[in-house]
Amino acid sequence: MCADALGRAWPADVDGQVRCIDEGSRTLGLAFCCVPASGEAADPGSVTAGLVATPGALPVLGVVPGPLSDELLSRIHRRGELAGSSAIQDVQELLDDASDAAVDRLRALGASGVRRIAVVEDTIAPPVGDAAAAESHRPLLNAAAHLRIDLVLVASGLDDVASLGYGDWASGRGCSPGLGFLPKEAFESRSQLERCLDRLADGSGTAEVISAPLDHAVSTDLVRHAARVLSGEDARP
């Protein structure tokens, strides 16, 4: 998306990717730049460290897939239908593995100098109950507190987001004080985006708005327009 915003091809080298993310994020009007995912760069760790070390760059937001994300559901489905007395144990083992992987990703981002991380949960039907869901996030909260990293939970499809233990969260079902949320569906069309922006304008005390993760197919013009409206640069009709 950053490369599209600049009208360039995505660079192949680390330095070029650092510049592209920094300049593209500014062009889009974002308050933070996001680190690349593992499939977006050959060496995402070096790109992340480069973004953190760039003088005068935008602050860097790390992204960690949460343990309840659809990736966990896919792994459950790949194992086949769970049955019998081993079903609960199998799900718990997968949940533990997903939680460990999320903590490893958080620690790697912290080692690169990232001080704020979005934990992204994008799921329709979590495979566990509320207590197990909260417990799966506890290692992330503990690791972040130890490393002095600020966390914000960005959730889609979860009913009880507040029960997961985060001080800051943004979701389609509600947000913590001061935060607003734009779902992926807001960027499907200009009219859809305007309706979502209208709903945010009706709220009070929203200091920061976070979107659900967006892919390269999203219109950069819509992202830029949302950022300009939310920052007050574009007046609402």
Protein backbone atom coordinates (compact mmCIF):
# COMPACT_ATOMS: atom_id res chain seq x y z
CA MET A 1 0.00 0.00 0.00
CA CYS A 2 2.85 2.42 0.77
CA ALA A 3 4.40 1.73 -2.63
CA ASP A 4 1.03 2.27 -4.33
CA ALA A 5 0.60 5.57 -2.49
CA LEU A 6 3.96 6.72 -3.87
CA GLY A 7 3.34 5.36 -7.37
CA ARG A 8 6.39 3.09 -7.13
CA ALA A 9 7.16 -0.59 -7.29
CA TRP A 10 7.86 -2.25 -3.94
CA PRO A 11 11.67 -2.11 -3.52
CA ALA A 12 13.70 -5.29 -3.24
CA ASP A 13 16.37 -3.95 -0.86
CA VAL A 14 16.04 -3.27 2.86
CA ASP A 15 16.94 0.44 2.69
CA GLY A 16 14.48 0.99 -0.13
CA GLN A 17 11.72 -0.76 1.81
CA VAL A 18 12.44 1.36 4.89
CA ARG A 19 12.16 4.56 2.83
CA CYS A 20 9.05 3.31 1.06
CA ILE A 21 7.20 2.52 4.29
CA ASP A 22 8.22 5.81 5.92
CA GLU A 23 7.44 8.02 2.92
CA GLY A 24 4.32 6.08 1.96
CA SER A 25 2.90 6.30 5.48
CA ARG A 26 3.43 10.06 5.46
CA THR A 27 1.80 10.36 2.03
CA LEU A 28 -1.21 8.42 3.31
CA GLY A 29 -1.45 10.75 6.32
CA LEU A 30 -0.98 8.04 8.91
CA ALA A 31 0.13 8.72 12.47
CA PHE A 32 2.27 5.54 12.61
CA CYS A 33 4.07 3.38 10.09
CA CYS A 34 3.58 -0.38 10.34
CA VAL A 35 6.31 -2.97 10.17
CA PRO A 36 6.15 -5.42 7.24
CA ALA A 37 4.74 -8.90 7.70
CA SER A 38 6.97 -11.91 7.11
CA GLY A 39 5.65 -12.40 3.58
CA GLU A 40 6.11 -8.77 2.59
CA ALA A 41 9.87 -8.48 3.02
CA ALA A 42 12.78 -10.91 2.77
CA ASP A 43 14.20 -9.54 6.04
CA PRO A 44 11.35 -7.91 8.01
CA GLY A 45 13.52 -7.66 11.14
CA SER A 46 16.09 -5.46 9.38
CA VAL A 47 13.34 -3.31 7.87
CA THR A 48 11.78 -2.88 11.31
CA ALA A 49 15.10 -1.90 12.89
CA GLY A 50 15.70 0.52 10.02
CA LEU A 51 12.32 2.20 10.55
CA VAL A 52 12.98 2.58 14.27
CA ALA A 53 16.44 4.05 13.60
CA THR A 54 15.38 6.51 10.87
CA PRO A 55 15.85 10.07 12.20
CA GLY A 56 12.61 12.02 12.28
CA ALA A 57 10.57 9.04 11.06
CA LEU A 58 7.01 8.35 12.10
CA PRO A 59 6.61 6.23 15.22
CA VAL A 60 6.58 2.52 14.43
CA LEU A 61 3.65 0.22 15.18
CA GLY A 62 4.42 -3.48 15.41
CA VAL A 63 1.77 -6.05 14.50
CA VAL A 64 1.35 -9.44 16.16
CA PRO A 65 -1.36 -11.94 15.13
CA GLY A 66 -3.28 -12.93 18.25
CA PRO A 67 -3.54 -16.54 19.44
CA LEU A 68 -7.29 -16.65 18.63
CA SER A 69 -6.89 -15.54 15.02
CA ASP A 70 -8.13 -17.52 12.06
CA GLU A 71 -4.64 -19.00 11.71
CA LEU A 72 -5.40 -21.06 14.82
CA LEU A 73 -8.73 -22.20 13.37
CA SER A 74 -6.99 -23.24 10.16
CA ARG A 75 -4.54 -25.35 12.11
CA ILE A 76 -7.42 -27.03 13.93
CA HIS A 77 -9.17 -27.80 10.66
CA ARG A 78 -5.94 -29.19 9.17
CA ARG A 79 -5.69 -31.65 12.04
CA GLY A 80 -9.17 -32.86 11.16
CA GLU A 81 -12.30 -32.99 13.24
CA LEU A 82 -11.51 -33.29 16.93
CA ALA A 83 -13.39 -36.02 18.76
CA GLY A 84 -13.37 -37.95 22.01
CA SER A 85 -11.48 -37.19 25.20
CA SER A 86 -8.47 -35.78 23.34
CA ALA A 87 -10.42 -32.92 21.74
CA ILE A 88 -10.03 -30.39 24.56
CA GLN A 89 -6.38 -31.26 25.04
CA ASP A 90 -5.66 -30.86 21.31
CA VAL A 91 -7.28 -27.43 21.19
CA GLN A 92 -5.40 -26.35 24.31
CA GLU A 93 -2.09 -27.49 22.82
CA LEU A 94 -2.78 -25.47 19.67
CA LEU A 95 -3.77 -22.46 21.75
CA ASP A 96 -0.57 -22.74 23.79
CA ASP A 97 1.50 -22.97 20.60
CA ALA A 98 -0.26 -19.93 19.11
CA SER A 99 0.26 -17.95 22.31
CA ASP A 100 3.98 -18.88 22.39
CA ALA A 101 4.37 -17.83 18.75
CA ALA A 102 2.72 -14.48 19.47
CA VAL A 103 5.06 -13.88 22.42
CA ASP A 104 8.09 -14.77 20.28
CA ARG A 105 6.95 -12.24 17.66
CA LEU A 106 6.41 -9.60 20.35
CA ARG A 107 9.89 -10.17 21.78
CA ALA A 108 11.48 -9.97 18.32
CA LEU A 109 9.76 -6.64 17.64
CA GLY A 110 10.84 -5.36 21.05
CA ALA A 111 14.43 -6.36 20.30
CA SER A 112 14.23 -4.27 17.11
CA GLY A 113 13.24 -1.23 19.17
CA VAL A 114 9.46 -1.23 18.65
CA ARG A 115 7.71 0.25 21.69
CA ARG A 116 4.08 -0.08 20.63
CA ILE A 117 2.41 -3.19 19.24
CA ALA A 118 -1.06 -3.99 17.92
CA VAL A 119 -2.21 -7.51 18.77
CA VAL A 120 -4.64 -8.39 15.99
CA GLU A 121 -7.45 -10.87 16.54
CA ASP A 122 -9.47 -11.43 13.37
CA THR A 123 -11.78 -14.36 13.97
CA ILE A 124 -15.43 -15.23 13.51
CA ALA A 125 -15.82 -18.11 15.95
CA PRO A 126 -13.13 -18.50 18.63
CA PRO A 127 -12.62 -22.21 19.33
CA VAL A 128 -12.43 -21.74 23.12
CA GLY A 129 -14.41 -20.16 25.92
CA ASP A 130 -13.88 -16.73 27.46
CA ALA A 131 -11.62 -17.95 30.27
CA ALA A 132 -9.29 -19.85 27.92
CA ALA A 133 -9.27 -16.92 25.49
CA ALA A 134 -8.18 -14.53 28.24
CA GLU A 135 -5.56 -16.99 29.47
CA SER A 136 -4.07 -17.28 25.97
CA HIS A 137 -3.42 -13.53 25.98
CA ARG A 138 -1.91 -13.39 29.46
CA PRO A 139 1.64 -14.32 28.29
CA LEU A 140 1.56 -11.44 25.78
CA LEU A 141 0.48 -8.97 28.46
CA ASN A 142 3.18 -10.23 30.83
CA ALA A 143 5.92 -10.08 28.19
CA ALA A 144 4.88 -6.58 27.14
CA ALA A 145 4.91 -5.36 30.74
CA HIS A 146 8.38 -6.83 31.26
CA LEU A 147 9.71 -5.24 28.06
CA ARG A 148 7.84 -1.95 28.64
CA ILE A 149 5.96 -2.22 25.36
CA ASP A 150 2.54 -0.62 24.99
CA LEU A 151 -0.10 -2.97 23.59
CA VAL A 152 -3.37 -2.21 21.83
CA LEU A 153 -5.77 -5.01 20.93
CA VAL A 154 -7.34 -4.70 17.47
CA ALA A 155 -10.18 -7.20 17.27
CA SER A 156 -12.79 -8.26 14.75
CA GLY A 157 -15.49 -10.81 15.52
CA LEU A 158 -14.97 -11.07 19.29
CA ASP A 159 -17.92 -10.31 21.55
CA ASP A 160 -16.19 -9.63 24.87
CA VAL A 161 -13.01 -7.79 23.92
CA ALA A 162 -12.58 -6.09 27.29
CA SER A 163 -12.30 -9.45 29.11
CA LEU A 164 -8.96 -10.21 27.42
CA GLY A 165 -7.20 -7.86 29.84
CA TYR A 166 -5.92 -5.04 27.61
CA GLY A 167 -6.00 -1.43 28.74
CA ASP A 168 -6.43 -0.24 25.14
CA TRP A 169 -8.58 -1.98 22.56
CA ALA A 170 -10.37 -1.14 19.34
CA SER A 171 -13.03 -3.30 17.72
CA GLY A 172 -16.28 -3.25 15.82
CA ARG A 173 -18.08 -4.19 19.04
CA GLY A 174 -16.68 -1.27 21.04
CA CYS A 175 -13.47 0.54 21.99
CA SER A 176 -11.68 1.60 25.12
CA PRO A 177 -11.92 5.31 26.01
CA GLY A 178 -10.22 7.58 23.48
CA LEU A 179 -10.05 5.01 20.67
CA GLY A 180 -12.15 4.54 17.54
CA PHE A 181 -12.25 1.73 14.99
CA LEU A 182 -12.64 1.51 11.21
CA PRO A 183 -13.47 -2.02 9.96
CA LYS A 184 -12.20 -3.41 6.67
CA GLU A 185 -15.66 -2.95 5.22
CA ALA A 186 -15.33 0.81 5.61
CA PHE A 187 -12.83 0.82 2.73
CA GLU A 188 -15.01 -1.05 0.25
CA SER A 189 -16.47 2.19 -1.14
CA ARG A 190 -16.51 5.96 -0.59
CA SER A 191 -20.11 5.86 0.65
CA GLN A 192 -19.32 3.08 3.13
CA LEU A 193 -16.33 5.02 4.43
CA GLU A 194 -18.38 8.20 4.84
CA ARG A 195 -20.97 6.34 6.92
CA CYS A 196 -18.27 4.97 9.20
CA LEU A 197 -16.65 8.39 9.54
CA ASP A 198 -20.05 9.86 10.41
CA ARG A 199 -20.44 7.33 13.23
CA LEU A 200 -16.98 8.22 14.55
CA ALA A 201 -17.83 11.92 14.41
CA ASP A 202 -20.89 11.25 16.57
CA GLY A 203 -18.69 9.83 19.31
CA SER A 204 -16.98 12.04 21.88
CA GLY A 205 -13.39 12.08 23.05
CA THR A 206 -11.92 9.95 20.25
CA ALA A 207 -8.24 10.84 20.11
CA GLU A 208 -7.04 8.02 17.87
CA VAL A 209 -8.67 5.81 15.25
CA ILE A 210 -7.30 2.40 14.30
CA SER A 211 -8.35 0.40 11.27
CA ALA A 212 -8.54 -3.32 10.88
CA PRO A 213 -5.55 -4.67 8.91
CA LEU A 214 -5.83 -3.60 5.26
CA ASP A 215 -4.25 -5.29 2.26
CA HIS A 216 -2.79 -3.85 -0.94
CA ALA A 217 -6.14 -4.12 -2.74
CA VAL A 218 -7.58 -1.28 -0.64
CA SER A 219 -7.79 2.09 -2.38
CA THR A 220 -5.02 4.36 -1.15
CA ASP A 221 -7.27 7.32 -1.99
CA LEU A 222 -9.82 6.09 0.56
CA VAL A 223 -7.14 5.58 3.20
CA ARG A 224 -5.76 9.07 2.54
CA HIS A 225 -9.24 10.60 2.68
CA ALA A 226 -10.01 8.91 6.00
CA ALA A 227 -6.74 10.13 7.49
CA ARG A 228 -7.34 13.70 6.31
CA VAL A 229 -10.88 13.77 7.68
CA LEU A 230 -9.87 12.33 11.03
CA SER A 231 -6.95 14.75 11.37
CA GLY A 232 -9.23 17.70 10.57
CA GLU A 233 -7.48 18.55 7.28
CA ASP A 234 -10.63 17.80 5.25
CA ALA A 235 -13.91 19.30 6.38
CA ARG A 236 -16.93 17.00 6.44
CA PRO A 237 -19.81 17.85 4.07
